[in-house]
Amino acid sequence: MPEFLHLLPPEQALSIWLEALPWPSSIGAETCATVDALGRYLAEDVVANDPLPPFSRSTVDGYAVRAADTYGATPGLPAYLEVVGEVRMGEGTSLHLKTGQAALIHTGGMIPEHADAVVMLEDTQQARSRQIEVLKAAASGENILQRGEDVQAGAQVVQAGTRIRAQEIGGLMALGLAEVSVKQKPRVAIISTGDELVAPGQPVGPGQVRDVNSYALGALVDRMGGRISRRRLLGDDRRALEEELREAHAADDIIVVTAGSSVSERDLTANAIQELGEPGVLVHGVHIKPGKPTILAAAGIKPVLGLPGNPVSAFVVAGYFLPPLMRRMLGVTEQGRTPSIPARLAVNIASETGREDFVPVRIRQEADEWVAEPVYGRSNLIFTLVRADGVIRIPPSATGLEKDARVTVMLLQ
């Protein structure tokens, strides 16, 4: 029996997987307090009911004026204006400026009727009681934030599928939206398998290792906007795996299984997934390092991802395949942006043609540039990733990268 029936390039494998699933997804919406919506994804477009700002306001401390009254003003030949009142903060104003008049105003204050500019306080001086000298001409609109300049009433301000950041929360609050409709968090079942696994809090016996994957992958899922459904640890028992898969299929939106994906006498995952429902296993084997024995499958409307058991492989593969899947499920419209920086490669790195390699690297700054240095280690060594700041991608068309090559480091967050 060959090790893998058919290795596919990762892009092709991802395309086959996504095309086999129904879109739009069945992920529903729920109402969330805006203050708690950080990192959630909008389920509906947000339209402004009111303009922002709701009134024309000053951007400086100074005097509201009619700009034409200041034309030609200089320190040697100032314009003299009568101060007819003050605009108090947090209040409307009934002042109507006539020719030759000004009103004291503070930053954020409402612009009086017929005023079309604000002269900064430092460009004026007191002439006598209720009279100022304007030492610098003001242009129409100067130092004024116009009504609706930020947002017009009826304008779409945030698109459905947008990931809510701190600035979106501020904008939604400015519009008076204390609640917002967001997509429900996809429930991601994480099933770790292997006779050798024990929970992190348990003592390790001979031949045993602690479960790493369900926790590292769970953190990755949480960061991507999902809800972790961490399942029980399983030994290499097909009946137990099939039972756990059925329970996860009934309760969760995405199923992730770690270990058991290599083709051998103990390969249980592919066969168990195949029995879960049509169309079953779509891809078993991806031309990627680390992570060649990856399984991509679907059971009805539920995507299933089978990962290698080695922690680095599992993390790299999950980081490649899960984000585009979850973006589709959450209705995200923009492309995913992985934070990255340009760097110079410190040493030569070899690679195999036709295989896409992801190499962990550590970065350091030299002079005015970043330098990327590979972190070498096998795919079962989790601290290979802990020591790394990011990864670089070697495309399948390359036989490696030379020292001093310019690379893009995808940062590990």
Protein backbone atom coordinates (compact mmCIF):
# COMPACT_ATOMS: atom_id res chain seq x y z
CA MET A 1 0.00 0.00 0.00
CA PRO A 2 1.49 3.36 -1.00
CA GLU A 3 2.10 5.85 1.78
CA PHE A 4 -0.32 8.32 0.23
CA LEU A 5 -2.65 7.75 -2.69
CA HIS A 6 -2.42 11.27 -4.07
CA LEU A 7 -0.59 14.28 -2.64
CA LEU A 8 -2.17 17.59 -3.61
CA PRO A 9 -0.76 21.13 -3.51
CA PRO A 10 -2.20 22.94 -0.49
CA GLU A 11 -4.08 25.55 -2.56
CA GLN A 12 -5.79 22.85 -4.59
CA ALA A 13 -6.61 20.82 -1.48
CA LEU A 14 -8.15 23.88 0.18
CA SER A 15 -10.22 24.66 -2.90
CA ILE A 16 -11.58 21.08 -3.08
CA TRP A 17 -12.50 21.22 0.62
CA LEU A 18 -14.29 24.56 0.49
CA GLU A 19 -16.17 23.73 -2.70
CA ALA A 20 -17.56 20.55 -1.14
CA LEU A 21 -19.26 22.51 1.65
CA PRO A 22 -22.56 24.40 1.36
CA TRP A 23 -22.35 28.20 1.28
CA PRO A 24 -23.56 30.33 2.87
CA SER A 25 -22.95 28.37 6.04
CA SER A 26 -25.53 27.58 8.67
CA ILE A 27 -23.84 29.78 11.30
CA GLY A 28 -26.55 32.04 12.70
CA ALA A 29 -26.55 35.47 14.32
CA GLU A 30 -27.03 36.69 17.86
CA THR A 31 -27.31 40.02 19.63
CA CYS A 32 -24.24 41.12 21.56
CA ALA A 33 -23.57 44.16 23.73
CA THR A 34 -21.27 46.38 21.69
CA VAL A 35 -18.90 46.71 24.62
CA ASP A 36 -18.43 42.91 24.54
CA ALA A 37 -18.14 42.62 20.76
CA LEU A 38 -14.36 42.90 20.42
CA GLY A 39 -13.14 40.23 17.98
CA ARG A 40 -16.66 39.21 16.90
CA TYR A 41 -17.90 39.38 13.30
CA LEU A 42 -20.81 41.57 12.23
CA ALA A 43 -23.82 39.68 10.93
CA GLU A 44 -25.46 42.75 9.33
CA ASP A 45 -24.36 45.98 7.71
CA VAL A 46 -24.36 48.94 10.08
CA VAL A 47 -26.11 52.05 8.72
CA ALA A 48 -25.88 55.42 10.44
CA ASN A 49 -29.24 56.74 11.59
CA ASP A 50 -27.76 60.16 12.35
CA PRO A 51 -24.88 62.21 10.97
CA LEU A 52 -21.55 62.37 12.78
CA PRO A 53 -20.83 64.84 14.13
CA PRO A 54 -24.48 65.77 14.67
CA PHE A 55 -23.63 69.48 14.53
CA SER A 56 -20.78 71.61 13.20
CA ARG A 57 -18.20 71.97 15.96
CA SER A 58 -14.94 73.70 16.70
CA THR A 59 -11.66 71.77 16.64
CA VAL A 60 -9.79 74.39 18.70
CA ASP A 61 -10.22 76.88 21.53
CA GLY A 62 -10.78 80.32 20.06
CA TYR A 63 -13.44 82.53 18.55
CA ALA A 64 -16.16 81.65 16.06
CA VAL A 65 -16.16 84.29 13.33
CA ARG A 66 -17.35 85.13 9.86
CA ALA A 67 -14.23 84.46 7.82
CA ALA A 68 -14.76 87.49 5.61
CA ASP A 69 -14.38 89.73 8.67
CA THR A 70 -10.78 88.53 9.14
CA TYR A 71 -9.49 88.82 5.57
CA GLY A 72 -6.22 90.77 5.45
CA ALA A 73 -5.70 90.63 9.22
CA THR A 74 -2.05 90.70 10.36
CA PRO A 75 -0.30 91.48 13.66
CA GLY A 76 0.46 94.96 12.29
CA LEU A 77 -3.04 95.51 10.98
CA PRO A 78 -5.45 93.39 13.04
CA ALA A 79 -9.18 92.99 12.48
CA TYR A 80 -11.32 94.24 15.37
CA LEU A 81 -14.37 92.14 16.28
CA GLU A 82 -17.04 92.53 18.92
CA VAL A 83 -17.44 89.51 21.25
CA VAL A 84 -21.19 88.97 21.60
CA GLY A 85 -21.24 85.83 23.75
CA GLU A 86 -19.80 82.45 24.61
CA VAL A 87 -20.70 78.97 23.38
CA ARG A 88 -20.87 76.76 26.46
CA MET A 89 -19.74 73.15 26.24
CA GLY A 90 -22.50 70.55 26.09
CA GLU A 91 -25.13 73.12 25.21
CA GLY A 92 -26.72 74.36 22.03
CA THR A 93 -26.38 78.01 21.10
CA SER A 94 -28.88 80.58 19.84
CA LEU A 95 -26.18 83.06 18.84
CA HIS A 96 -26.41 84.49 15.32
CA LEU A 97 -23.26 86.32 14.29
CA LYS A 98 -23.58 89.51 12.35
CA THR A 99 -20.85 91.29 10.44
CA GLY A 100 -18.01 92.28 12.76
CA GLN A 101 -19.01 89.92 15.56
CA ALA A 102 -17.34 86.92 17.21
CA ALA A 103 -18.21 84.35 19.91
CA LEU A 104 -15.86 82.69 22.39
CA ILE A 105 -15.86 78.95 21.74
CA HIS A 106 -14.10 75.90 23.14
CA THR A 107 -12.90 72.72 21.44
CA GLY A 108 -15.98 70.66 20.56
CA GLY A 109 -18.34 73.60 20.94
CA MET A 110 -21.29 74.13 18.59
CA ILE A 111 -20.68 76.62 15.78
CA PRO A 112 -23.12 79.59 15.98
CA GLU A 113 -25.39 80.49 13.09
CA HIS A 114 -23.64 82.41 10.27
CA ALA A 115 -20.13 81.64 11.62
CA ASP A 116 -17.96 79.80 9.11
CA ALA A 117 -14.52 79.73 10.74
CA VAL A 118 -12.80 79.62 14.12
CA VAL A 119 -9.74 81.75 14.92
CA MET A 120 -7.38 80.05 17.38
CA LEU A 121 -7.04 81.78 20.72
CA GLU A 122 -3.31 82.33 20.20
CA ASP A 123 -4.05 84.28 17.00
CA THR A 124 -6.05 86.86 18.95
CA GLN A 125 -5.53 89.31 21.76
CA GLN A 126 -7.84 91.32 23.96
CA ALA A 127 -8.30 94.90 22.71
CA ARG A 128 -10.76 96.13 25.27
CA SER A 129 -13.81 94.80 27.08
CA ARG A 130 -15.89 92.69 24.67
CA GLN A 131 -13.51 93.36 21.79
CA ILE A 132 -10.66 91.28 20.31
CA GLU A 133 -7.94 91.86 17.78
CA VAL A 134 -7.61 89.09 15.19
CA LEU A 135 -3.96 88.83 14.17
CA LYS A 136 -4.30 86.24 11.40
CA ALA A 137 -6.86 85.80 8.65
CA ALA A 138 -9.07 82.68 8.78
CA ALA A 139 -10.33 80.80 5.73
CA SER A 140 -13.92 79.66 5.46
CA GLY A 141 -14.25 76.27 7.17
CA GLU A 142 -10.98 76.64 9.07
CA ASN A 143 -10.88 74.81 12.41
CA ILE A 144 -14.45 73.53 11.97
CA LEU A 145 -15.61 69.92 11.82
CA GLN A 146 -18.72 70.11 9.69
CA ARG A 147 -21.98 68.33 10.49
CA GLY A 148 -21.88 64.87 8.90
CA GLU A 149 -18.22 65.24 7.89
CA ASP A 150 -17.37 61.89 9.50
CA VAL A 151 -20.55 60.01 8.58
CA GLN A 152 -23.66 61.06 6.68
CA ALA A 153 -27.07 59.87 7.87
CA GLY A 154 -28.08 56.73 5.93
CA ALA A 155 -24.50 55.81 5.03
CA GLN A 156 -23.24 52.24 5.45
CA VAL A 157 -20.41 52.60 7.93
CA VAL A 158 -19.41 48.99 8.73
CA GLN A 159 -19.96 46.02 6.44
CA ALA A 160 -21.33 42.64 7.47
CA GLY A 161 -18.48 40.19 7.98
CA THR A 162 -16.19 42.81 9.49
CA ARG A 163 -14.16 41.72 12.51
CA ILE A 164 -14.89 44.23 15.24
CA ARG A 165 -11.82 46.03 16.50
CA ALA A 166 -11.48 48.68 19.20
CA GLN A 167 -12.09 51.42 16.64
CA GLU A 168 -15.31 49.79 15.42
CA ILE A 169 -16.57 49.66 19.01
CA GLY A 170 -15.88 53.37 19.31
CA GLY A 171 -17.68 54.11 16.06
CA LEU A 172 -20.71 51.98 16.96
CA MET A 173 -20.96 53.69 20.33
CA ALA A 174 -20.74 57.09 18.64
CA LEU A 175 -23.81 56.08 16.62
CA GLY A 176 -25.64 55.13 19.82
CA LEU A 177 -25.57 51.39 19.07
CA ALA A 178 -25.28 49.74 22.48
CA GLU A 179 -26.07 46.34 20.90
CA VAL A 180 -25.04 44.83 17.61
CA SER A 181 -25.88 41.72 15.60
CA VAL A 182 -22.89 39.38 15.32
CA LYS A 183 -22.31 35.93 13.91
CA GLN A 184 -22.42 33.13 16.43
CA LYS A 185 -19.04 31.65 17.21
CA PRO A 186 -18.55 28.40 15.29
CA ARG A 187 -18.20 25.48 17.70
CA VAL A 188 -14.98 23.65 16.88
CA ALA A 189 -14.63 20.14 18.29
CA ILE A 190 -11.04 19.17 19.00
CA ILE A 191 -10.45 15.45 19.37
CA SER A 192 -6.96 14.29 20.34
CA THR A 193 -6.19 10.62 19.83
CA GLY A 194 -3.34 8.33 20.81
CA ASP A 195 -2.69 5.64 23.42
CA GLU A 196 0.30 7.65 24.61
CA LEU A 197 -1.59 10.83 25.54
CA VAL A 198 -2.37 12.02 29.05
CA ALA A 199 -3.94 15.28 30.22
CA PRO A 200 -1.48 18.08 31.10
CA GLY A 201 -2.31 17.88 34.81
CA GLN A 202 -1.58 14.17 35.04
CA PRO A 203 1.77 12.48 35.76
CA VAL A 204 3.56 11.06 32.74
CA GLY A 205 4.32 7.36 32.78
CA PRO A 206 6.73 5.35 30.63
CA GLY A 207 5.97 5.87 26.92
CA GLN A 208 3.45 8.64 27.61
CA VAL A 209 3.35 12.34 26.63
CA ARG A 210 1.06 15.16 27.63
CA ASP A 211 -1.64 16.34 25.25
CA VAL A 212 -0.40 19.51 23.58
CA ASN A 213 -2.51 19.78 20.47
CA SER A 214 -5.99 20.26 21.91
CA TYR A 215 -4.75 23.24 23.94
CA ALA A 216 -2.58 24.89 21.29
CA LEU A 217 -5.28 24.38 18.66
CA GLY A 218 -7.95 25.54 21.08
CA ALA A 219 -6.10 28.83 21.55
CA LEU A 220 -5.79 29.18 17.78
CA VAL A 221 -9.53 28.60 17.35
CA ASP A 222 -10.33 31.14 20.04
CA ARG A 223 -8.16 33.75 18.35
CA MET A 224 -9.89 33.11 15.02
CA GLY A 225 -13.33 33.78 16.51
CA GLY A 226 -14.47 30.24 17.25
CA ARG A 227 -15.73 28.52 20.39
CA ILE A 228 -13.72 25.53 21.58
CA SER A 229 -15.48 22.23 22.17
CA ARG A 230 -12.63 20.24 23.67
CA ARG A 231 -13.49 16.57 23.55
CA ARG A 232 -12.16 13.72 25.69
CA LEU A 233 -8.78 12.17 25.00
CA LEU A 234 -9.08 8.95 23.05
CA GLY A 235 -6.81 5.97 22.70
CA ASP A 236 -6.25 4.28 19.36
CA ASP A 237 -9.73 2.76 19.40
CA ARG A 238 -11.80 3.02 16.24
CA ARG A 239 -15.13 2.39 17.97
CA ALA A 240 -14.48 5.12 20.54
CA LEU A 241 -13.36 7.50 17.79
CA GLU A 242 -16.45 6.84 15.69
CA GLU A 243 -18.67 7.47 18.72
CA GLU A 244 -16.89 10.73 19.53
CA LEU A 245 -17.09 11.83 15.90
CA ARG A 246 -20.85 11.20 15.83
CA GLU A 247 -21.35 13.23 19.02
CA ALA A 248 -19.23 16.07 17.67
CA HIS A 249 -21.05 15.96 14.32
CA ALA A 250 -24.38 16.37 16.10
CA ALA A 251 -23.27 19.19 18.40
CA ASP A 252 -20.47 21.15 16.71
CA ASP A 253 -19.87 23.08 13.50
CA ILE A 254 -16.30 22.01 12.69
CA ILE A 255 -14.50 18.82 13.70
CA VAL A 256 -10.73 18.66 14.15
CA VAL A 257 -9.02 15.36 14.88
CA THR A 258 -5.33 15.18 15.74
CA ALA A 259 -3.10 12.13 15.20
CA GLY A 260 -4.09 8.95 13.44
CA SER A 261 -3.80 10.53 10.00
CA SER A 262 -0.68 8.72 8.78
CA VAL A 263 -1.30 5.70 6.58
CA SER A 264 -0.32 2.68 8.64
CA GLU A 265 -1.87 -0.21 10.50
CA ARG A 266 -2.94 2.25 13.20
CA ASP A 267 -4.52 4.73 10.81
CA LEU A 268 -8.01 4.97 12.25
CA THR A 269 -8.99 8.55 11.48
CA ALA A 270 -9.51 8.41 7.72
CA ASN A 271 -11.70 5.30 7.92
CA ALA A 272 -13.70 6.64 10.86
CA ILE A 273 -14.28 9.98 9.12
CA GLN A 274 -15.35 8.20 5.94
CA GLU A 275 -18.12 6.47 7.89
CA LEU A 276 -19.37 9.77 9.34
CA GLY A 277 -21.27 10.81 6.23
CA GLU A 278 -21.04 11.87 2.59
CA PRO A 279 -19.00 13.07 0.81
CA GLY A 280 -16.42 11.78 3.31
CA VAL A 281 -12.67 12.09 2.85
CA LEU A 282 -11.87 14.51 0.03
CA VAL A 283 -8.11 14.83 0.45
CA HIS A 284 -5.67 12.56 2.27
CA GLY A 285 -2.18 13.91 1.79
CA VAL A 286 -1.02 17.45 1.08
CA HIS A 287 2.32 18.45 -0.44
CA ILE A 288 3.32 20.56 2.53
CA LYS A 289 6.06 20.35 5.15
CA PRO A 290 5.36 19.93 7.96
CA GLY A 291 1.95 18.32 7.66
CA LYS A 292 1.94 15.92 4.71
CA PRO A 293 -0.59 13.41 6.19
CA THR A 294 -3.44 15.92 6.38
CA ILE A 295 -7.07 14.86 5.93
CA LEU A 296 -9.72 17.21 4.55
CA ALA A 297 -13.25 15.86 4.67
CA ALA A 298 -16.91 16.78 4.93
CA ALA A 299 -19.85 14.99 6.49
CA GLY A 300 -22.98 16.66 5.21
CA ILE A 301 -22.60 20.35 6.01
CA LYS A 302 -19.89 19.77 8.61
CA PRO A 303 -16.20 20.19 7.65
CA VAL A 304 -13.72 17.76 9.18
CA LEU A 305 -9.98 18.34 9.45
CA GLY A 306 -7.59 15.51 10.30
CA LEU A 307 -4.21 16.71 11.53
CA PRO A 308 -0.90 14.97 12.15
CA GLY A 309 -0.17 14.35 15.81
CA ASN A 310 3.15 16.16 15.89
CA PRO A 311 2.47 19.58 17.48
CA VAL A 312 4.37 21.71 14.95
CA SER A 313 2.73 19.92 12.03
CA ALA A 314 -0.71 20.22 13.61
CA PHE A 315 -0.27 23.92 14.35
CA VAL A 316 1.09 24.81 10.91
CA VAL A 317 -1.61 22.85 9.04
CA ALA A 318 -4.41 24.21 11.22
CA GLY A 319 -3.04 27.72 10.69
CA TYR A 320 -3.21 27.18 6.93
CA PHE A 321 -6.60 25.48 6.50
CA LEU A 322 -8.78 26.71 9.39
CA PRO A 323 -8.65 30.51 8.86
CA PRO A 324 -10.09 30.52 5.31
CA LEU A 325 -12.73 27.98 6.37
CA MET A 326 -13.80 30.02 9.38
CA ARG A 327 -13.79 33.27 7.39
CA ARG A 328 -16.22 31.69 4.93
CA MET A 329 -18.42 30.37 7.73
CA LEU A 330 -18.48 33.77 9.44
CA GLY A 331 -19.27 35.65 6.25
CA VAL A 332 -16.01 37.58 6.31
CA THR A 333 -15.71 39.62 3.14
CA GLU A 334 -12.11 40.84 3.25
CA GLN A 335 -9.12 38.60 2.75
CA GLY A 336 -7.39 37.39 5.88
CA ARG A 337 -4.41 39.48 6.83
CA THR A 338 -1.58 37.68 8.56
CA PRO A 339 0.74 40.23 10.19
CA SER A 340 4.09 40.02 8.45
CA ILE A 341 7.38 41.85 8.09
CA PRO A 342 10.08 41.82 5.39
CA ALA A 343 13.40 40.35 6.40
CA ARG A 344 16.74 39.13 5.11
CA LEU A 345 17.49 35.42 5.41
CA ALA A 346 20.52 34.68 7.63
CA VAL A 347 21.50 31.31 6.08
CA ASN A 348 20.77 29.01 3.14
CA ILE A 349 17.66 26.83 3.49
CA ALA A 350 17.18 23.70 1.39
CA SER A 351 13.77 22.56 0.16
CA GLU A 352 12.25 19.89 -2.04
CA THR A 353 10.81 20.96 -5.39
CA GLY A 354 7.06 20.49 -5.61
CA ARG A 355 6.52 20.74 -1.86
CA GLU A 356 5.51 23.86 0.00
CA ASP A 357 7.65 24.30 3.11
CA PHE A 358 6.88 26.41 6.17
CA VAL A 359 10.01 27.08 8.21
CA PRO A 360 9.89 28.55 11.74
CA VAL A 361 12.26 31.50 12.14
CA ARG A 362 13.50 33.81 14.84
CA ILE A 363 13.94 37.46 13.88
CA ARG A 364 16.48 39.99 15.08
CA GLN A 365 17.22 43.54 14.06
CA GLU A 366 20.52 44.47 12.45
CA ALA A 367 21.08 48.11 11.57
CA ASP A 368 17.90 49.16 9.75
CA GLU A 369 16.58 45.73 8.75
CA TRP A 370 15.16 42.51 10.19
CA VAL A 371 17.11 39.28 9.82
CA ALA A 372 15.35 35.89 9.85
CA GLU A 373 17.20 32.90 11.28
CA PRO A 374 15.67 29.39 11.00
CA VAL A 375 14.71 27.58 14.19
CA TYR A 376 15.59 23.97 13.51
CA GLY A 377 13.70 21.16 15.15
CA ARG A 378 11.53 18.19 14.35
CA SER A 379 7.78 18.53 13.98
CA ASN A 380 7.11 16.79 17.28
CA LEU A 381 8.96 19.47 19.27
CA ILE A 382 6.49 22.15 20.34
CA PHE A 383 9.23 24.48 21.59
CA THR A 384 10.42 24.80 18.00
CA LEU A 385 7.42 27.10 17.64
CA VAL A 386 7.79 28.62 21.09
CA ARG A 387 11.29 29.79 20.15
CA ALA A 388 10.08 31.15 16.80
CA ASP A 389 8.74 34.62 16.05
CA GLY A 390 7.17 33.59 12.76
CA VAL A 391 7.38 31.31 9.75
CA ILE A 392 8.54 31.78 6.19
CA ARG A 393 7.03 30.04 3.21
CA ILE A 394 9.16 28.34 0.58
CA PRO A 395 7.04 27.94 -2.57
CA PRO A 396 6.82 24.54 -4.29
CA SER A 397 8.66 25.84 -7.34
CA ALA A 398 11.83 26.55 -5.32
CA THR A 399 14.62 24.19 -4.32
CA GLY A 400 15.35 26.38 -1.32
CA LEU A 401 16.31 29.92 -0.45
CA GLU A 402 19.75 31.43 -0.47
CA LYS A 403 21.40 33.42 2.29
CA ASP A 404 20.51 37.13 2.12
CA ALA A 405 17.33 36.41 0.14
CA ARG A 406 14.47 38.76 0.90
CA VAL A 407 11.66 36.89 2.63
CA THR A 408 8.33 37.66 4.23
CA VAL A 409 8.01 36.50 7.83
CA MET A 410 4.43 35.65 8.81
CA LEU A 411 4.38 36.50 12.48
CA LEU A 412 3.08 34.01 15.04
CA GLN A 413 0.68 35.85 17.31
